[in-house]
């Protein structure tokens, strides 16, 4: 009875999340896109759209990761403190930062698959894309730590990005900063051992 009195945007957001939770990613994306069409400055709708792309295993990997990354980054532009968007962008950049990545970060926040069966890409090109992903991952994680210094996952993201980039001195400094902010965090000994 009361549901009919809630604004369209609230009902649509609830419906989008419900379809997402039920695994109907295409329907969820359609609802999030309706929200964005009405209000392109809604970070929750952009985050939801990114999450629906991120968890859509039916779409080609490069396509759904590209759309996901772009939507999460848009959520961060609209709400620079959006921790879940930081988490997802950090994860995607981490995948593209591996020494032998399955995904490559391309200009324009596009993602391509790098496996030889998927694309013929020489190793120098792969390494250039890896270096770009690593640099972006460090920048993103530094921004996250600066905005949310008491968020353990932000420190872990920065530590992981620094280690992937081969900046071991920076990683040691980050462990010290993490320890000073959250000295009893249960993951700290494991992070320090990395």
C-alpha atoms as a PDB file:
ATOM      1  CA  UNK A   1       0.000   0.000   0.000  1.00  0.00           C
ATOM      2  CA  UNK A   2       2.759   2.459   0.950  1.00  0.00           C
ATOM      3  CA  UNK A   3       4.944   1.435  -1.978  1.00  0.00           C
ATOM      4  CA  UNK A   4       2.712   3.355  -4.361  1.00  0.00           C
ATOM      5  CA  UNK A   5       3.535   6.586  -2.520  1.00  0.00           C
ATOM      6  CA  UNK A   6       7.286   6.275  -2.901  1.00  0.00           C
ATOM      7  CA  UNK A   7       8.876   8.341  -5.666  1.00  0.00           C
ATOM      8  CA  UNK A   8       9.564   6.733  -9.046  1.00  0.00           C
ATOM      9  CA  UNK A   9      13.325   6.916  -8.489  1.00  0.00           C
ATOM     10  CA  UNK A  10      13.150   5.046  -5.190  1.00  0.00           C
ATOM     11  CA  UNK A  11      10.914   2.336  -6.649  1.00  0.00           C
ATOM     12  CA  UNK A  12      13.136   1.998  -9.705  1.00  0.00           C
ATOM     13  CA  UNK A  13      16.289   1.751  -7.580  1.00  0.00           C
ATOM     14  CA  UNK A  14      14.663  -0.953  -5.448  1.00  0.00           C
ATOM     15  CA  UNK A  15      13.591  -2.808  -8.582  1.00  0.00           C
ATOM     16  CA  UNK A  16      17.052  -2.509 -10.110  1.00  0.00           C
ATOM     17  CA  UNK A  17      18.711  -3.896  -7.013  1.00  0.00           C
ATOM     18  CA  UNK A  18      16.139  -6.684  -6.735  1.00  0.00           C
ATOM     19  CA  UNK A  19      16.722  -7.806 -10.329  1.00  0.00           C
ATOM     20  CA  UNK A  20      20.482  -7.573  -9.745  1.00  0.00           C
ATOM     21  CA  UNK A  21      20.205  -9.742  -6.621  1.00  0.00           C
ATOM     22  CA  UNK A  22      18.156 -12.257  -8.604  1.00  0.00           C
ATOM     23  CA  UNK A  23      20.903 -12.455 -11.228  1.00  0.00           C
ATOM     24  CA  UNK A  24      18.979 -10.739 -14.015  1.00  0.00           C
ATOM     25  CA  UNK A  25      21.807  -8.401 -14.981  1.00  0.00           C
ATOM     26  CA  UNK A  26      20.373  -7.184 -18.279  1.00  0.00           C
ATOM     27  CA  UNK A  27      17.128  -6.122 -16.620  1.00  0.00           C
ATOM     28  CA  UNK A  28      19.048  -4.494 -13.770  1.00  0.00           C
ATOM     29  CA  UNK A  29      21.172  -2.535 -16.268  1.00  0.00           C
ATOM     30  CA  UNK A  30      18.021  -1.342 -18.053  1.00  0.00           C
ATOM     31  CA  UNK A  31      16.589  -0.028 -14.766  1.00  0.00           C
ATOM     32  CA  UNK A  32      19.855   1.656 -13.742  1.00  0.00           C
ATOM     33  CA  UNK A  33      20.041   3.255 -17.191  1.00  0.00           C
ATOM     34  CA  UNK A  34      16.499   4.585 -16.739  1.00  0.00           C
ATOM     35  CA  UNK A  35      17.631   6.168 -13.471  1.00  0.00           C
ATOM     36  CA  UNK A  36      20.682   7.673 -15.173  1.00  0.00           C
ATOM     37  CA  UNK A  37      18.538   9.018 -18.016  1.00  0.00           C
ATOM     38  CA  UNK A  38      16.445  10.869 -15.431  1.00  0.00           C
ATOM     39  CA  UNK A  39      19.407  11.980 -13.335  1.00  0.00           C
ATOM     40  CA  UNK A  40      22.859  11.564 -14.907  1.00  0.00           C
ATOM     41  CA  UNK A  41      24.414  12.812 -11.658  1.00  0.00           C
ATOM     42  CA  UNK A  42      23.196   9.912  -9.504  1.00  0.00           C
ATOM     43  CA  UNK A  43      26.304   8.084  -8.262  1.00  0.00           C
ATOM     44  CA  UNK A  44      24.249   5.177  -6.887  1.00  0.00           C
ATOM     45  CA  UNK A  45      22.703   4.526 -10.300  1.00  0.00           C
ATOM     46  CA  UNK A  46      26.145   4.640 -11.939  1.00  0.00           C
ATOM     47  CA  UNK A  47      27.536   2.301  -9.299  1.00  0.00           C
ATOM     48  CA  UNK A  48      24.598  -0.091  -9.763  1.00  0.00           C
ATOM     49  CA  UNK A  49      25.093  -0.043 -13.529  1.00  0.00           C
ATOM     50  CA  UNK A  50      28.778  -0.821 -13.060  1.00  0.00           C
ATOM     51  CA  UNK A  51      27.997  -3.641 -10.654  1.00  0.00           C
ATOM     52  CA  UNK A  52      25.444  -5.162 -13.035  1.00  0.00           C
ATOM     53  CA  UNK A  53      28.059  -5.143 -15.808  1.00  0.00           C
ATOM     54  CA  UNK A  54      30.764  -6.426 -13.449  1.00  0.00           C
ATOM     55  CA  UNK A  55      28.726  -9.473 -12.432  1.00  0.00           C
ATOM     56  CA  UNK A  56      27.340 -10.290 -15.895  1.00  0.00           C
ATOM     57  CA  UNK A  57      29.061 -13.508 -16.855  1.00  0.00           C
ATOM     58  CA  UNK A  58      26.946 -13.812 -19.996  1.00  0.00           C
ATOM     59  CA  UNK A  59      28.518 -10.839 -21.757  1.00  0.00           C
ATOM     60  CA  UNK A  60      31.954 -11.009 -23.402  1.00  0.00           C
ATOM     61  CA  UNK A  61      34.597 -10.355 -20.721  1.00  0.00           C
ATOM     62  CA  UNK A  62      36.243  -7.314 -22.320  1.00  0.00           C
ATOM     63  CA  UNK A  63      32.918  -5.644 -23.082  1.00  0.00           C
ATOM     64  CA  UNK A  64      31.393  -6.061 -19.653  1.00  0.00           C
ATOM     65  CA  UNK A  65      34.586  -5.083 -17.822  1.00  0.00           C
ATOM     66  CA  UNK A  66      34.937  -1.962 -19.992  1.00  0.00           C
ATOM     67  CA  UNK A  67      31.371  -0.870 -19.248  1.00  0.00           C
ATOM     68  CA  UNK A  68      31.835  -1.731 -15.593  1.00  0.00           C
ATOM     69  CA  UNK A  69      35.050   0.278 -15.246  1.00  0.00           C
ATOM     70  CA  UNK A  70      33.537   3.311 -16.955  1.00  0.00           C
ATOM     71  CA  UNK A  71      30.424   3.268 -14.761  1.00  0.00           C
ATOM     72  CA  UNK A  72      32.410   2.855 -11.528  1.00  0.00           C
ATOM     73  CA  UNK A  73      34.704   5.725 -12.523  1.00  0.00           C
ATOM     74  CA  UNK A  74      31.676   7.902 -13.259  1.00  0.00           C
ATOM     75  CA  UNK A  75      30.328   7.104  -9.782  1.00  0.00           C
ATOM     76  CA  UNK A  76      33.670   8.275  -8.348  1.00  0.00           C
ATOM     77  CA  UNK A  77      33.527  11.517 -10.328  1.00  0.00           C
ATOM     78  CA  UNK A  78      30.070  12.188  -8.898  1.00  0.00           C
ATOM     79  CA  UNK A  79      30.941  11.014  -5.378  1.00  0.00           C
ATOM     80  CA  UNK A  80      34.712  10.960  -4.796  1.00  0.00           C
ATOM     81  CA  UNK A  81      34.250   9.084  -1.520  1.00  0.00           C
ATOM     82  CA  UNK A  82      32.278   6.142  -2.953  1.00  0.00           C
ATOM     83  CA  UNK A  83      34.155   3.271  -1.273  1.00  0.00           C
ATOM     84  CA  UNK A  84      32.493   0.446  -3.214  1.00  0.00           C
ATOM     85  CA  UNK A  85      33.338   2.127  -6.520  1.00  0.00           C
ATOM     86  CA  UNK A  86      36.959   2.512  -5.348  1.00  0.00           C
ATOM     87  CA  UNK A  87      36.960  -1.171  -4.430  1.00  0.00           C
ATOM     88  CA  UNK A  88      35.786  -2.284  -7.865  1.00  0.00           C
ATOM     89  CA  UNK A  89      38.040   0.042  -9.880  1.00  0.00           C
ATOM     90  CA  UNK A  90      40.977  -1.057  -7.733  1.00  0.00           C
ATOM     91  CA  UNK A  91      40.123  -4.705  -8.411  1.00  0.00           C
ATOM     92  CA  UNK A  92      39.897  -4.164 -12.182  1.00  0.00           C
ATOM     93  CA  UNK A  93      43.171  -2.243 -12.262  1.00  0.00           C
ATOM     94  CA  UNK A  94      44.734  -5.024 -10.196  1.00  0.00           C
ATOM     95  CA  UNK A  95      43.722  -7.569 -12.838  1.00  0.00           C
ATOM     96  CA  UNK A  96      45.299  -5.406 -15.535  1.00  0.00           C
ATOM     97  CA  UNK A  97      48.437  -4.883 -13.385  1.00  0.00           C
ATOM     98  CA  UNK A  98      49.492  -8.521 -13.244  1.00  0.00           C
ATOM     99  CA  UNK A  99      52.774  -9.532 -14.869  1.00  0.00           C
ATOM    100  CA  UNK A 100      50.817 -11.781 -17.255  1.00  0.00           C
ATOM    101  CA  UNK A 101      47.418 -10.092 -17.312  1.00  0.00           C
ATOM    102  CA  UNK A 102      44.307 -11.602 -18.775  1.00  0.00           C
ATOM    103  CA  UNK A 103      42.921  -8.109 -19.249  1.00  0.00           C
ATOM    104  CA  UNK A 104      44.645  -5.025 -20.638  1.00  0.00           C
ATOM    105  CA  UNK A 105      43.772  -1.446 -19.724  1.00  0.00           C
ATOM    106  CA  UNK A 106      43.592   0.559 -22.936  1.00  0.00           C
ATOM    107  CA  UNK A 107      43.180   4.300 -23.467  1.00  0.00           C
ATOM    108  CA  UNK A 108      39.663   5.571 -22.908  1.00  0.00           C
ATOM    109  CA  UNK A 109      39.112   3.133 -20.045  1.00  0.00           C
ATOM    110  CA  UNK A 110      38.611   0.274 -22.462  1.00  0.00           C
ATOM    111  CA  UNK A 111      39.582  -3.242 -21.537  1.00  0.00           C
ATOM    112  CA  UNK A 112      40.776  -5.949 -23.923  1.00  0.00           C
ATOM    113  CA  UNK A 113      41.586  -9.572 -23.346  1.00  0.00           C
ATOM    114  CA  UNK A 114      45.281 -10.285 -23.779  1.00  0.00           C
ATOM    115  CA  UNK A 115      45.417 -14.035 -24.045  1.00  0.00           C
ATOM    116  CA  UNK A 116      46.992 -15.153 -27.337  1.00  0.00           C
ATOM    117  CA  UNK A 117      43.826 -16.985 -28.319  1.00  0.00           C
ATOM    118  CA  UNK A 118      41.903 -13.729 -27.933  1.00  0.00           C
ATOM    119  CA  UNK A 119      44.245 -11.202 -29.536  1.00  0.00           C
ATOM    120  CA  UNK A 120      47.635 -11.037 -31.194  1.00  0.00           C
ATOM    121  CA  UNK A 121      49.473  -8.536 -28.989  1.00  0.00           C
ATOM    122  CA  UNK A 122      53.251  -8.334 -28.704  1.00  0.00           C
ATOM    123  CA  UNK A 123      54.878  -8.484 -25.283  1.00  0.00           C
ATOM    124  CA  UNK A 124      56.154  -4.882 -25.398  1.00  0.00           C
ATOM    125  CA  UNK A 125      52.609  -3.649 -25.963  1.00  0.00           C
ATOM    126  CA  UNK A 126      51.322  -5.839 -23.141  1.00  0.00           C
ATOM    127  CA  UNK A 127      53.977  -4.489 -20.783  1.00  0.00           C
ATOM    128  CA  UNK A 128      53.139  -0.883 -21.735  1.00  0.00           C
ATOM    129  CA  UNK A 129      49.485  -1.526 -20.857  1.00  0.00           C
ATOM    130  CA  UNK A 130      50.509  -3.234 -17.595  1.00  0.00           C
ATOM    131  CA  UNK A 131      52.675  -0.230 -16.657  1.00  0.00           C
ATOM    132  CA  UNK A 132      49.757   2.112 -17.370  1.00  0.00           C
ATOM    133  CA  UNK A 133      47.394   0.010 -15.229  1.00  0.00           C
ATOM    134  CA  UNK A 134      49.925  -0.097 -12.391  1.00  0.00           C
ATOM    135  CA  UNK A 135      50.433   3.669 -12.419  1.00  0.00           C
ATOM    136  CA  UNK A 136      46.690   4.269 -12.470  1.00  0.00           C
ATOM    137  CA  UNK A 137      46.166   1.754  -9.645  1.00  0.00           C
ATOM    138  CA  UNK A 138      48.701   3.592  -7.468  1.00  0.00           C
ATOM    139  CA  UNK A 139      47.084   6.985  -8.211  1.00  0.00           C
ATOM    140  CA  UNK A 140      43.606   5.656  -7.474  1.00  0.00           C
ATOM    141  CA  UNK A 141      44.645   3.976  -4.211  1.00  0.00           C
ATOM    142  CA  UNK A 142      46.522   7.088  -3.044  1.00  0.00           C
ATOM    143  CA  UNK A 143      43.358   9.127  -3.650  1.00  0.00           C
ATOM    144  CA  UNK A 144      41.310   6.549  -1.741  1.00  0.00           C
ATOM    145  CA  UNK A 145      43.695   6.559   1.257  1.00  0.00           C
ATOM    146  CA  UNK A 146      43.725  10.365   1.272  1.00  0.00           C
ATOM    147  CA  UNK A 147      39.913  10.522   1.281  1.00  0.00           C
ATOM    148  CA  UNK A 148      39.344   7.625   3.686  1.00  0.00           C
ATOM    149  CA  UNK A 149      42.448   7.115   5.829  1.00  0.00           C
ATOM    150  CA  UNK A 150      40.611   4.877   8.314  1.00  0.00           C
ATOM    151  CA  UNK A 151      39.442   2.447   5.604  1.00  0.00           C
ATOM    152  CA  UNK A 152      41.588  -0.710   5.763  1.00  0.00           C
ATOM    153  CA  UNK A 153      40.740  -1.760   2.219  1.00  0.00           C
ATOM    154  CA  UNK A 154      42.097   1.546   0.903  1.00  0.00           C
ATOM    155  CA  UNK A 155      45.463   0.876   2.544  1.00  0.00           C
ATOM    156  CA  UNK A 156      45.460  -2.704   1.258  1.00  0.00           C
ATOM    157  CA  UNK A 157      44.683  -1.450  -2.259  1.00  0.00           C
ATOM    158  CA  UNK A 158      47.569   0.996  -2.085  1.00  0.00           C
ATOM    159  CA  UNK A 159      49.919  -1.637  -0.727  1.00  0.00           C
ATOM    160  CA  UNK A 160      48.940  -4.068  -3.497  1.00  0.00           C
ATOM    161  CA  UNK A 161      49.319  -1.399  -6.173  1.00  0.00           C
ATOM    162  CA  UNK A 162      52.745  -0.362  -4.898  1.00  0.00           C
ATOM    163  CA  UNK A 163      53.939  -3.965  -4.761  1.00  0.00           C
ATOM    164  CA  UNK A 164      52.637  -4.654  -8.280  1.00  0.00           C
ATOM    165  CA  UNK A 165      54.476  -1.544  -9.481  1.00  0.00           C
ATOM    166  CA  UNK A 166      57.692  -2.754  -7.850  1.00  0.00           C
ATOM    167  CA  UNK A 167      57.800   0.201  -5.453  1.00  0.00           C
ATOM    168  CA  UNK A 168      58.952  -1.738  -2.392  1.00  0.00           C
ATOM    169  CA  UNK A 169      60.111   1.364  -0.497  1.00  0.00           C
ATOM    170  CA  UNK A 170      56.696   2.931  -1.051  1.00  0.00           C
ATOM    171  CA  UNK A 171      55.048  -0.307   0.108  1.00  0.00           C
ATOM    172  CA  UNK A 172      57.136  -0.286   3.313  1.00  0.00           C
ATOM    173  CA  UNK A 173      56.115   3.324   3.927  1.00  0.00           C
ATOM    174  CA  UNK A 174      52.465   2.412   3.387  1.00  0.00           C
ATOM    175  CA  UNK A 175      52.725  -0.447   5.897  1.00  0.00           C
ATOM    176  CA  UNK A 176      53.998   2.095   8.436  1.00  0.00           C
ATOM    177  CA  UNK A 177      51.134   4.478   7.659  1.00  0.00           C
ATOM    178  CA  UNK A 178      48.605   1.631   7.818  1.00  0.00           C
ATOM    179  CA  UNK A 179      50.037   0.529  11.175  1.00  0.00           C
ATOM    180  CA  UNK A 180      49.836   4.077  12.578  1.00  0.00           C
ATOM    181  CA  UNK A 181      46.192   4.491  11.516  1.00  0.00           C
ATOM    182  CA  UNK A 182      44.879   0.995  12.297  1.00  0.00           C
ATOM    183  CA  UNK A 183      47.460  -0.716  14.550  1.00  0.00           C
ATOM    184  CA  UNK A 184      45.244  -3.671  15.490  1.00  0.00           C
ATOM    185  CA  UNK A 185      43.846  -4.478  12.064  1.00  0.00           C
ATOM    186  CA  UNK A 186      43.916  -8.301  11.749  1.00  0.00           C
ATOM    187  CA  UNK A 187      45.246  -8.262   8.162  1.00  0.00           C
ATOM    188  CA  UNK A 188      48.200  -6.014   8.986  1.00  0.00           C
ATOM    189  CA  UNK A 189      50.702  -8.807   9.787  1.00  0.00           C
ATOM    190  CA  UNK A 190      49.815 -10.549   6.528  1.00  0.00           C
ATOM    191  CA  UNK A 191      50.052  -7.314   4.569  1.00  0.00           C
ATOM    192  CA  UNK A 192      53.445  -6.578   6.143  1.00  0.00           C
ATOM    193  CA  UNK A 193      54.683 -10.057   5.162  1.00  0.00           C
ATOM    194  CA  UNK A 194      53.801  -9.470   1.500  1.00  0.00           C
END
